[in-house]
PDB file of N, CA and C in Angstrom:
ATOM      1  N   MET A   1     -14.635  -3.292  13.528  1.00  0.00           N
ATOM      2  CA  MET A   1     -15.184  -2.006  13.846  1.00  0.00           C
ATOM      3  C   MET A   1     -14.126  -0.938  13.583  1.00  0.00           C
ATOM      4  N   SER A   2     -14.563   0.150  12.980  1.00  0.00           N
ATOM      5  CA  SER A   2     -13.621   1.229  12.709  1.00  0.00           C
ATOM      6  C   SER A   2     -14.014   2.475  13.496  1.00  0.00           C
ATOM      7  N   ARG A   3     -13.034   3.335  13.647  1.00  0.00           N
ATOM      8  CA  ARG A   3     -13.290   4.636  14.260  1.00  0.00           C
ATOM      9  C   ARG A   3     -12.865   5.701  13.272  1.00  0.00           C
ATOM     10  N   ILE A   4     -13.624   6.770  13.258  1.00  0.00           N
ATOM     11  CA  ILE A   4     -13.350   7.876  12.362  1.00  0.00           C
ATOM     12  C   ILE A   4     -13.214   9.128  13.207  1.00  0.00           C
ATOM     13  N   LYS A   5     -12.076   9.804  13.053  1.00  0.00           N
ATOM     14  CA  LYS A   5     -11.847  11.045  13.781  1.00  0.00           C
ATOM     15  C   LYS A   5     -11.556  12.134  12.754  1.00  0.00           C
ATOM     16  N   LEU A   6     -12.239  13.227  12.874  1.00  0.00           N
ATOM     17  CA  LEU A   6     -12.120  14.327  11.931  1.00  0.00           C
ATOM     18  C   LEU A   6     -11.329  15.466  12.543  1.00  0.00           C
ATOM     19  N   SER A   7     -10.380  15.992  11.790  1.00  0.00           N
ATOM     20  CA  SER A   7      -9.657  17.181  12.226  1.00  0.00           C
ATOM     21  C   SER A   7      -9.459  18.081  11.005  1.00  0.00           C
ATOM     22  N   SER A   8      -9.286  19.351  11.258  1.00  0.00           N
ATOM     23  CA  SER A   8      -9.103  20.261  10.129  1.00  0.00           C
ATOM     24  C   SER A   8      -8.029  21.286  10.434  1.00  0.00           C
ATOM     25  N   SER A   9      -7.448  21.767   9.379  1.00  0.00           N
ATOM     26  CA  SER A   9      -6.472  22.843   9.455  1.00  0.00           C
ATOM     27  C   SER A   9      -6.829  23.818   8.337  1.00  0.00           C
ATOM     28  N   GLU A  10      -6.030  24.850   8.178  1.00  0.00           N
ATOM     29  CA  GLU A  10      -6.310  25.824   7.131  1.00  0.00           C
ATOM     30  C   GLU A  10      -6.251  25.215   5.742  1.00  0.00           C
ATOM     31  N   ASP A  11      -5.388  24.229   5.540  1.00  0.00           N
ATOM     32  CA  ASP A  11      -5.196  23.706   4.192  1.00  0.00           C
ATOM     33  C   ASP A  11      -5.874  22.369   3.899  1.00  0.00           C
ATOM     34  N   ALA A  12      -6.386  21.659   4.913  1.00  0.00           N
ATOM     35  CA  ALA A  12      -6.988  20.352   4.638  1.00  0.00           C
ATOM     36  C   ALA A  12      -7.867  19.871   5.785  1.00  0.00           C
ATOM     37  N   ILE A  13      -8.770  18.975   5.423  1.00  0.00           N
ATOM     38  CA  ILE A  13      -9.546  18.229   6.415  1.00  0.00           C
ATOM     39  C   ILE A  13      -8.971  16.819   6.415  1.00  0.00           C
ATOM     40  N   THR A  14      -8.662  16.303   7.594  1.00  0.00           N
ATOM     41  CA  THR A  14      -8.082  14.969   7.718  1.00  0.00           C
ATOM     42  C   THR A  14      -9.059  14.040   8.418  1.00  0.00           C
ATOM     43  N   LEU A  15      -9.318  12.908   7.782  1.00  0.00           N
ATOM     44  CA  LEU A  15     -10.102  11.835   8.392  1.00  0.00           C
ATOM     45  C   LEU A  15      -9.102  10.798   8.870  1.00  0.00           C
ATOM     46  N   ARG A  16      -9.031  10.571  10.173  1.00  0.00           N
ATOM     47  CA  ARG A  16      -8.146   9.545  10.718  1.00  0.00           C
ATOM     48  C   ARG A  16      -8.979   8.297  10.973  1.00  0.00           C
ATOM     49  N   LEU A  17      -8.621   7.243  10.277  1.00  0.00           N
ATOM     50  CA  LEU A  17      -9.353   5.988  10.396  1.00  0.00           C
ATOM     51  C   LEU A  17      -8.530   5.008  11.212  1.00  0.00           C
ATOM     52  N   SER A  18      -9.226   4.178  11.971  1.00  0.00           N
ATOM     53  CA  SER A  18      -8.535   3.129  12.712  1.00  0.00           C
ATOM     54  C   SER A  18      -9.409   1.893  12.755  1.00  0.00           C
ATOM     55  N   GLY A  19      -8.763   0.759  12.901  1.00  0.00           N
ATOM     56  CA  GLY A  19      -9.480  -0.507  12.963  1.00  0.00           C
ATOM     57  C   GLY A  19      -9.779  -1.057  11.582  1.00  0.00           C
ATOM     58  N   ARG A  20     -10.915  -1.717  11.472  1.00  0.00           N
ATOM     59  CA  ARG A  20     -11.337  -2.332  10.214  1.00  0.00           C
ATOM     60  C   ARG A  20     -12.327  -1.422   9.509  1.00  0.00           C
ATOM     61  N   ILE A  21     -12.098  -1.188   8.223  1.00  0.00           N
ATOM     62  CA  ILE A  21     -13.031  -0.398   7.429  1.00  0.00           C
ATOM     63  C   ILE A  21     -13.901  -1.381   6.648  1.00  0.00           C
ATOM     64  N   ARG A  22     -15.194  -1.272   6.865  1.00  0.00           N
ATOM     65  CA  ARG A  22     -16.134  -2.169   6.202  1.00  0.00           C
ATOM     66  C   ARG A  22     -17.196  -1.371   5.454  1.00  0.00           C
ATOM     67  N   SER A  23     -17.937  -2.064   4.635  1.00  0.00           N
ATOM     68  CA  SER A  23     -18.961  -1.406   3.827  1.00  0.00           C
ATOM     69  C   SER A  23     -19.942  -0.610   4.691  1.00  0.00           C
ATOM     70  N   GLU A  24     -20.185  -1.050   5.916  1.00  0.00           N
ATOM     71  CA  GLU A  24     -21.108  -0.334   6.811  1.00  0.00           C
ATOM     72  C   GLU A  24     -20.596   1.065   7.168  1.00  0.00           C
ATOM     73  N   ASP A  25     -19.291   1.290   7.061  1.00  0.00           N
ATOM     74  CA  ASP A  25     -18.688   2.567   7.415  1.00  0.00           C
ATOM     75  C   ASP A  25     -18.700   3.573   6.268  1.00  0.00           C
ATOM     76  N   LEU A  26     -18.974   3.115   5.069  1.00  0.00           N
ATOM     77  CA  LEU A  26     -18.767   3.947   3.898  1.00  0.00           C
ATOM     78  C   LEU A  26     -19.755   5.095   3.753  1.00  0.00           C
ATOM     79  N   ALA A  27     -20.989   4.925   4.202  1.00  0.00           N
ATOM     80  CA  ALA A  27     -21.959   6.020   4.094  1.00  0.00           C
ATOM     81  C   ALA A  27     -21.488   7.237   4.885  1.00  0.00           C
ATOM     82  N   GLU A  28     -20.999   7.003   6.080  1.00  0.00           N
ATOM     83  CA  GLU A  28     -20.491   8.108   6.905  1.00  0.00           C
ATOM     84  C   GLU A  28     -19.246   8.743   6.270  1.00  0.00           C
ATOM     85  N   LEU A  29     -18.352   7.914   5.764  1.00  0.00           N
ATOM     86  CA  LEU A  29     -17.160   8.436   5.104  1.00  0.00           C
ATOM     87  C   LEU A  29     -17.532   9.244   3.860  1.00  0.00           C
ATOM     88  N   TRP A  30     -18.439   8.706   3.053  1.00  0.00           N
ATOM     89  CA  TRP A  30     -18.846   9.383   1.828  1.00  0.00           C
ATOM     90  C   TRP A  30     -19.494  10.731   2.132  1.00  0.00           C
ATOM     91  N   ALA A  31     -20.330  10.788   3.142  1.00  0.00           N
ATOM     92  CA  ALA A  31     -20.992  12.047   3.504  1.00  0.00           C
ATOM     93  C   ALA A  31     -19.963  13.109   3.866  1.00  0.00           C
ATOM     94  N   THR A  32     -18.902  12.729   4.514  1.00  0.00           N
ATOM     95  CA  THR A  32     -17.857  13.674   4.898  1.00  0.00           C
ATOM     96  C   THR A  32     -17.027  14.094   3.689  1.00  0.00           C
ATOM     97  N   VAL A  33     -16.660  13.154   2.865  1.00  0.00           N
ATOM     98  CA  VAL A  33     -15.812  13.422   1.702  1.00  0.00           C
ATOM     99  C   VAL A  33     -16.564  14.222   0.646  1.00  0.00           C
ATOM    100  N   GLU A  34     -17.787  13.840   0.377  1.00  0.00           N
ATOM    101  CA  GLU A  34     -18.557  14.435  -0.713  1.00  0.00           C
ATOM    102  C   GLU A  34     -18.814  15.929  -0.511  1.00  0.00           C
ATOM    103  N   GLY A  35     -19.112  16.330   0.701  1.00  0.00           N
ATOM    104  CA  GLY A  35     -19.497  17.707   0.933  1.00  0.00           C
ATOM    105  C   GLY A  35     -18.378  18.658   1.279  1.00  0.00           C
ATOM    106  N   SER A  36     -17.155  18.211   1.228  1.00  0.00           N
ATOM    107  CA  SER A  36     -16.055  19.052   1.686  1.00  0.00           C
ATOM    108  C   SER A  36     -15.558  20.000   0.597  1.00  0.00           C
ATOM    109  N   PRO A  37     -15.536  21.298   0.903  1.00  0.00           N
ATOM    110  CA  PRO A  37     -14.972  22.251  -0.054  1.00  0.00           C
ATOM    111  C   PRO A  37     -13.436  22.310   0.033  1.00  0.00           C
ATOM    112  N   GLN A  38     -12.869  21.756   1.092  1.00  0.00           N
ATOM    113  CA  GLN A  38     -11.420  21.785   1.299  1.00  0.00           C
ATOM    114  C   GLN A  38     -10.755  20.524   0.784  1.00  0.00           C
ATOM    115  N   ARG A  39      -9.444  20.595   0.677  1.00  0.00           N
ATOM    116  CA  ARG A  39      -8.643  19.422   0.329  1.00  0.00           C
ATOM    117  C   ARG A  39      -8.833  18.371   1.417  1.00  0.00           C
ATOM    118  N   MET A  40      -8.960  17.124   1.005  1.00  0.00           N
ATOM    119  CA  MET A  40      -9.192  16.029   1.942  1.00  0.00           C
ATOM    120  C   MET A  40      -7.970  15.111   2.008  1.00  0.00           C
ATOM    121  N   VAL A  41      -7.715  14.604   3.219  1.00  0.00           N
ATOM    122  CA  VAL A  41      -6.670  13.616   3.460  1.00  0.00           C
ATOM    123  C   VAL A  41      -7.295  12.516   4.302  1.00  0.00           C
ATOM    124  N   ILE A  42      -7.068  11.266   3.915  1.00  0.00           N
ATOM    125  CA  ILE A  42      -7.512  10.130   4.719  1.00  0.00           C
ATOM    126  C   ILE A  42      -6.262   9.482   5.306  1.00  0.00           C
ATOM    127  N   ASP A  43      -6.111   9.585   6.628  1.00  0.00           N
ATOM    128  CA  ASP A  43      -4.964   9.027   7.332  1.00  0.00           C
ATOM    129  C   ASP A  43      -5.323   7.620   7.791  1.00  0.00           C
ATOM    130  N   MET A  44      -4.603   6.637   7.277  1.00  0.00           N
ATOM    131  CA  MET A  44      -4.913   5.233   7.533  1.00  0.00           C
ATOM    132  C   MET A  44      -3.865   4.555   8.404  1.00  0.00           C
ATOM    133  N   LYS A  45      -3.144   5.334   9.182  1.00  0.00           N
ATOM    134  CA  LYS A  45      -2.046   4.794   9.990  1.00  0.00           C
ATOM    135  C   LYS A  45      -2.479   3.617  10.864  1.00  0.00           C
ATOM    136  N   ASP A  46      -3.674   3.690  11.445  1.00  0.00           N
ATOM    137  CA  ASP A  46      -4.118   2.660  12.375  1.00  0.00           C
ATOM    138  C   ASP A  46      -5.167   1.717  11.786  1.00  0.00           C
ATOM    139  N   VAL A  47      -5.256   1.661  10.460  1.00  0.00           N
ATOM    140  CA  VAL A  47      -6.197   0.745   9.809  1.00  0.00           C
ATOM    141  C   VAL A  47      -5.570  -0.642   9.756  1.00  0.00           C
ATOM    142  N   THR A  48      -6.352  -1.649  10.153  1.00  0.00           N
ATOM    143  CA  THR A  48      -5.841  -3.017  10.164  1.00  0.00           C
ATOM    144  C   THR A  48      -6.379  -3.862   9.019  1.00  0.00           C
ATOM    145  N   LEU A  49      -7.540  -3.489   8.474  1.00  0.00           N
ATOM    146  CA  LEU A  49      -8.180  -4.296   7.434  1.00  0.00           C
ATOM    147  C   LEU A  49      -9.202  -3.452   6.700  1.00  0.00           C
ATOM    148  N   ALA A  50      -9.381  -3.728   5.420  1.00  0.00           N
ATOM    149  CA  ALA A  50     -10.427  -3.064   4.637  1.00  0.00           C
ATOM    150  C   ALA A  50     -11.088  -4.118   3.764  1.00  0.00           C
ATOM    151  N   ASP A  51     -12.434  -4.179   3.784  1.00  0.00           N
ATOM    152  CA  ASP A  51     -13.105  -5.150   2.923  1.00  0.00           C
ATOM    153  C   ASP A  51     -13.116  -4.636   1.485  1.00  0.00           C
ATOM    154  N   ARG A  52     -13.615  -5.444   0.573  1.00  0.00           N
ATOM    155  CA  ARG A  52     -13.532  -5.103  -0.846  1.00  0.00           C
ATOM    156  C   ARG A  52     -14.245  -3.791  -1.166  1.00  0.00           C
ATOM    157  N   GLU A  53     -15.419  -3.565  -0.600  1.00  0.00           N
ATOM    158  CA  GLU A  53     -16.146  -2.326  -0.849  1.00  0.00           C
ATOM    159  C   GLU A  53     -15.363  -1.119  -0.334  1.00  0.00           C
ATOM    160  N   ALA A  54     -14.708  -1.271   0.797  1.00  0.00           N
ATOM    161  CA  ALA A  54     -13.885  -0.190   1.340  1.00  0.00           C
ATOM    162  C   ALA A  54     -12.688   0.081   0.441  1.00  0.00           C
ATOM    163  N   VAL A  55     -12.080  -0.964  -0.088  1.00  0.00           N
ATOM    164  CA  VAL A  55     -10.960  -0.798  -1.020  1.00  0.00           C
ATOM    165  C   VAL A  55     -11.423  -0.047  -2.261  1.00  0.00           C
ATOM    166  N   GLN A  56     -12.582  -0.405  -2.786  1.00  0.00           N
ATOM    167  CA  GLN A  56     -13.120   0.288  -3.956  1.00  0.00           C
ATOM    168  C   GLN A  56     -13.381   1.759  -3.639  1.00  0.00           C
ATOM    169  N   PHE A  57     -13.933   2.021  -2.476  1.00  0.00           N
ATOM    170  CA  PHE A  57     -14.198   3.390  -2.056  1.00  0.00           C
ATOM    171  C   PHE A  57     -12.897   4.183  -1.954  1.00  0.00           C
ATOM    172  N   LEU A  58     -11.893   3.612  -1.341  1.00  0.00           N
ATOM    173  CA  LEU A  58     -10.613   4.298  -1.185  1.00  0.00           C
ATOM    174  C   LEU A  58      -9.969   4.579  -2.544  1.00  0.00           C
ATOM    175  N   GLY A  59     -10.092   3.638  -3.467  1.00  0.00           N
ATOM    176  CA  GLY A  59      -9.587   3.862  -4.820  1.00  0.00           C
ATOM    177  C   GLY A  59     -10.330   4.981  -5.516  1.00  0.00           C
ATOM    178  N   PHE A  60     -11.633   5.029  -5.329  1.00  0.00           N
ATOM    179  CA  PHE A  60     -12.470   6.099  -5.875  1.00  0.00           C
ATOM    180  C   PHE A  60     -12.015   7.445  -5.316  1.00  0.00           C
ATOM    181  N   CYS A  61     -11.787   7.502  -4.019  1.00  0.00           N
ATOM    182  CA  CYS A  61     -11.330   8.746  -3.386  1.00  0.00           C
ATOM    183  C   CYS A  61      -9.979   9.174  -3.939  1.00  0.00           C
ATOM    184  N   GLN A  62      -9.060   8.242  -4.011  1.00  0.00           N
ATOM    185  CA  GLN A  62      -7.717   8.550  -4.495  1.00  0.00           C
ATOM    186  C   GLN A  62      -7.761   9.045  -5.943  1.00  0.00           C
ATOM    187  N   ALA A  63      -8.593   8.432  -6.765  1.00  0.00           N
ATOM    188  CA  ALA A  63      -8.712   8.836  -8.159  1.00  0.00           C
ATOM    189  C   ALA A  63      -9.255  10.256  -8.293  1.00  0.00           C
ATOM    190  N   ARG A  64      -9.934  10.737  -7.275  1.00  0.00           N
ATOM    191  CA  ARG A  64     -10.482  12.087  -7.273  1.00  0.00           C
ATOM    192  C   ARG A  64      -9.619  13.082  -6.501  1.00  0.00           C
ATOM    193  N   GLY A  65      -8.388  12.695  -6.204  1.00  0.00           N
ATOM    194  CA  GLY A  65      -7.440  13.623  -5.624  1.00  0.00           C
ATOM    195  C   GLY A  65      -7.361  13.643  -4.115  1.00  0.00           C
ATOM    196  N   ILE A  66      -8.041  12.737  -3.450  1.00  0.00           N
ATOM    197  CA  ILE A  66      -7.954  12.657  -1.995  1.00  0.00           C
ATOM    198  C   ILE A  66      -6.707  11.850  -1.633  1.00  0.00           C
ATOM    199  N   GLU A  67      -5.857  12.435  -0.822  1.00  0.00           N
ATOM    200  CA  GLU A  67      -4.612  11.781  -0.434  1.00  0.00           C
ATOM    201  C   GLU A  67      -4.873  10.677   0.586  1.00  0.00           C
ATOM    202  N   LEU A  68      -4.290   9.504   0.352  1.00  0.00           N
ATOM    203  CA  LEU A  68      -4.348   8.400   1.306  1.00  0.00           C
ATOM    204  C   LEU A  68      -3.009   8.357   2.022  1.00  0.00           C
ATOM    205  N   LEU A  69      -2.998   8.846   3.241  1.00  0.00           N
ATOM    206  CA  LEU A  69      -1.775   8.962   4.028  1.00  0.00           C
ATOM    207  C   LEU A  69      -1.598   7.715   4.889  1.00  0.00           C
ATOM    208  N   HIS A  70      -0.381   7.197   4.949  1.00  0.00           N
ATOM    209  CA  HIS A  70      -0.051   6.013   5.753  1.00  0.00           C
ATOM    210  C   HIS A  70      -0.901   4.797   5.376  1.00  0.00           C
ATOM    211  N   CYS A  71      -1.204   4.658   4.110  1.00  0.00           N
ATOM    212  CA  CYS A  71      -2.019   3.523   3.651  1.00  0.00           C
ATOM    213  C   CYS A  71      -1.191   2.239   3.741  1.00  0.00           C
ATOM    214  N   PRO A  72      -1.706   1.217   4.447  1.00  0.00           N
ATOM    215  CA  PRO A  72      -0.972  -0.050   4.539  1.00  0.00           C
ATOM    216  C   PRO A  72      -0.715  -0.646   3.148  1.00  0.00           C
ATOM    217  N   LEU A  73       0.428  -1.256   2.988  1.00  0.00           N
ATOM    218  CA  LEU A  73       0.843  -1.783   1.689  1.00  0.00           C
ATOM    219  C   LEU A  73      -0.176  -2.753   1.092  1.00  0.00           C
ATOM    220  N   ASP A  74      -0.714  -3.665   1.896  1.00  0.00           N
ATOM    221  CA  ASP A  74      -1.665  -4.634   1.349  1.00  0.00           C
ATOM    222  C   ASP A  74      -2.936  -3.949   0.846  1.00  0.00           C
ATOM    223  N   ILE A  75      -3.373  -2.908   1.520  1.00  0.00           N
ATOM    224  CA  ILE A  75      -4.559  -2.175   1.071  1.00  0.00           C
ATOM    225  C   ILE A  75      -4.221  -1.379  -0.189  1.00  0.00           C
ATOM    226  N   ARG A  76      -3.048  -0.750  -0.225  1.00  0.00           N
ATOM    227  CA  ARG A  76      -2.636   0.002  -1.417  1.00  0.00           C
ATOM    228  C   ARG A  76      -2.555  -0.921  -2.640  1.00  0.00           C
ATOM    229  N   GLU A  77      -2.018  -2.112  -2.463  1.00  0.00           N
ATOM    230  CA  GLU A  77      -1.946  -3.067  -3.571  1.00  0.00           C
ATOM    231  C   GLU A  77      -3.336  -3.491  -4.023  1.00  0.00           C
ATOM    232  N   SER A  78      -4.250  -3.661  -3.079  1.00  0.00           N
ATOM    233  CA  SER A  78      -5.629  -4.014  -3.434  1.00  0.00           C
ATOM    234  C   SER A  78      -6.307  -2.876  -4.194  1.00  0.00           C
ATOM    235  N   ILE A  79      -6.039  -1.652  -3.796  1.00  0.00           N
ATOM    236  CA  ILE A  79      -6.597  -0.488  -4.488  1.00  0.00           C
ATOM    237  C   ILE A  79      -6.116  -0.471  -5.940  1.00  0.00           C
ATOM    238  N   LEU A  80      -4.823  -0.690  -6.125  1.00  0.00           N
ATOM    239  CA  LEU A  80      -4.254  -0.690  -7.477  1.00  0.00           C
ATOM    240  C   LEU A  80      -4.845  -1.791  -8.353  1.00  0.00           C
ATOM    241  N   ALA A  81      -5.210  -2.913  -7.732  1.00  0.00           N
ATOM    242  CA  ALA A  81      -5.756  -4.039  -8.474  1.00  0.00           C
ATOM    243  C   ALA A  81      -7.229  -3.846  -8.864  1.00  0.00           C
ATOM    244  N   GLU A  82      -7.924  -2.954  -8.180  1.00  0.00           N
ATOM    245  CA  GLU A  82      -9.345  -2.718  -8.436  1.00  0.00           C
ATOM    246  C   GLU A  82      -9.554  -1.710  -9.561  1.00  0.00           C
ATOM    247  N   ASN A  83     -10.676  -1.832 -10.217  1.00  0.00           N
ATOM    248  CA  ASN A  83     -11.094  -0.816 -11.181  1.00  0.00           C
ATOM    249  C   ASN A  83     -11.991   0.149 -10.436  1.00  0.00           C
ATOM    250  N   HIS A  84     -11.613   1.441 -10.353  1.00  0.00           N
ATOM    251  CA  HIS A  84     -12.401   2.383  -9.573  1.00  0.00           C
ATOM    252  C   HIS A  84     -12.925   3.534 -10.423  1.00  0.00           C
ATOM    253  N   GLY A  85     -13.554   3.227 -11.520  1.00  0.00           N
ATOM    254  CA  GLY A  85     -14.173   4.261 -12.330  1.00  0.00           C
ATOM    255  C   GLY A  85     -15.365   4.875 -11.632  1.00  0.00           C
ATOM    256  N   ASP A  86     -16.182   4.058 -11.017  1.00  0.00           N
ATOM    257  CA  ASP A  86     -17.371   4.532 -10.305  1.00  0.00           C
ATOM    258  C   ASP A  86     -17.452   3.837  -8.973  1.00  0.00           C
ATOM    259  N   PHE A  87     -18.023   4.520  -8.023  1.00  0.00           N
ATOM    260  CA  PHE A  87     -18.241   3.915  -6.718  1.00  0.00           C
ATOM    261  C   PHE A  87     -19.728   3.781  -6.500  1.00  0.00           C
ATOM    262  N   GLY A  88     -20.149   2.625  -5.982  1.00  0.00           N
ATOM    263  CA  GLY A  88     -21.550   2.447  -5.616  1.00  0.00           C
ATOM    264  C   GLY A  88     -22.362   1.755  -6.589  1.00  0.00           C
TER     265      GLY A  88
END
């Protein structure tokens, strides 16, 4: 189970994720990311696990300029190993 906490400042909107990110969480994440006119940051400091669909989603976000802050090394390596031309 993951938790998503949203915060904003003048220069960015930050999504703080914690726990496990699974495919069931992606619709909510996508709705937040897709509609944002501001710079987005995904803070993954407290993420413990991400399934394959979540890794693909995170790679898609990163490829579109969304910063992945505090991304765990194993998840970052999985992102690099995935092809993220399209999501979904």
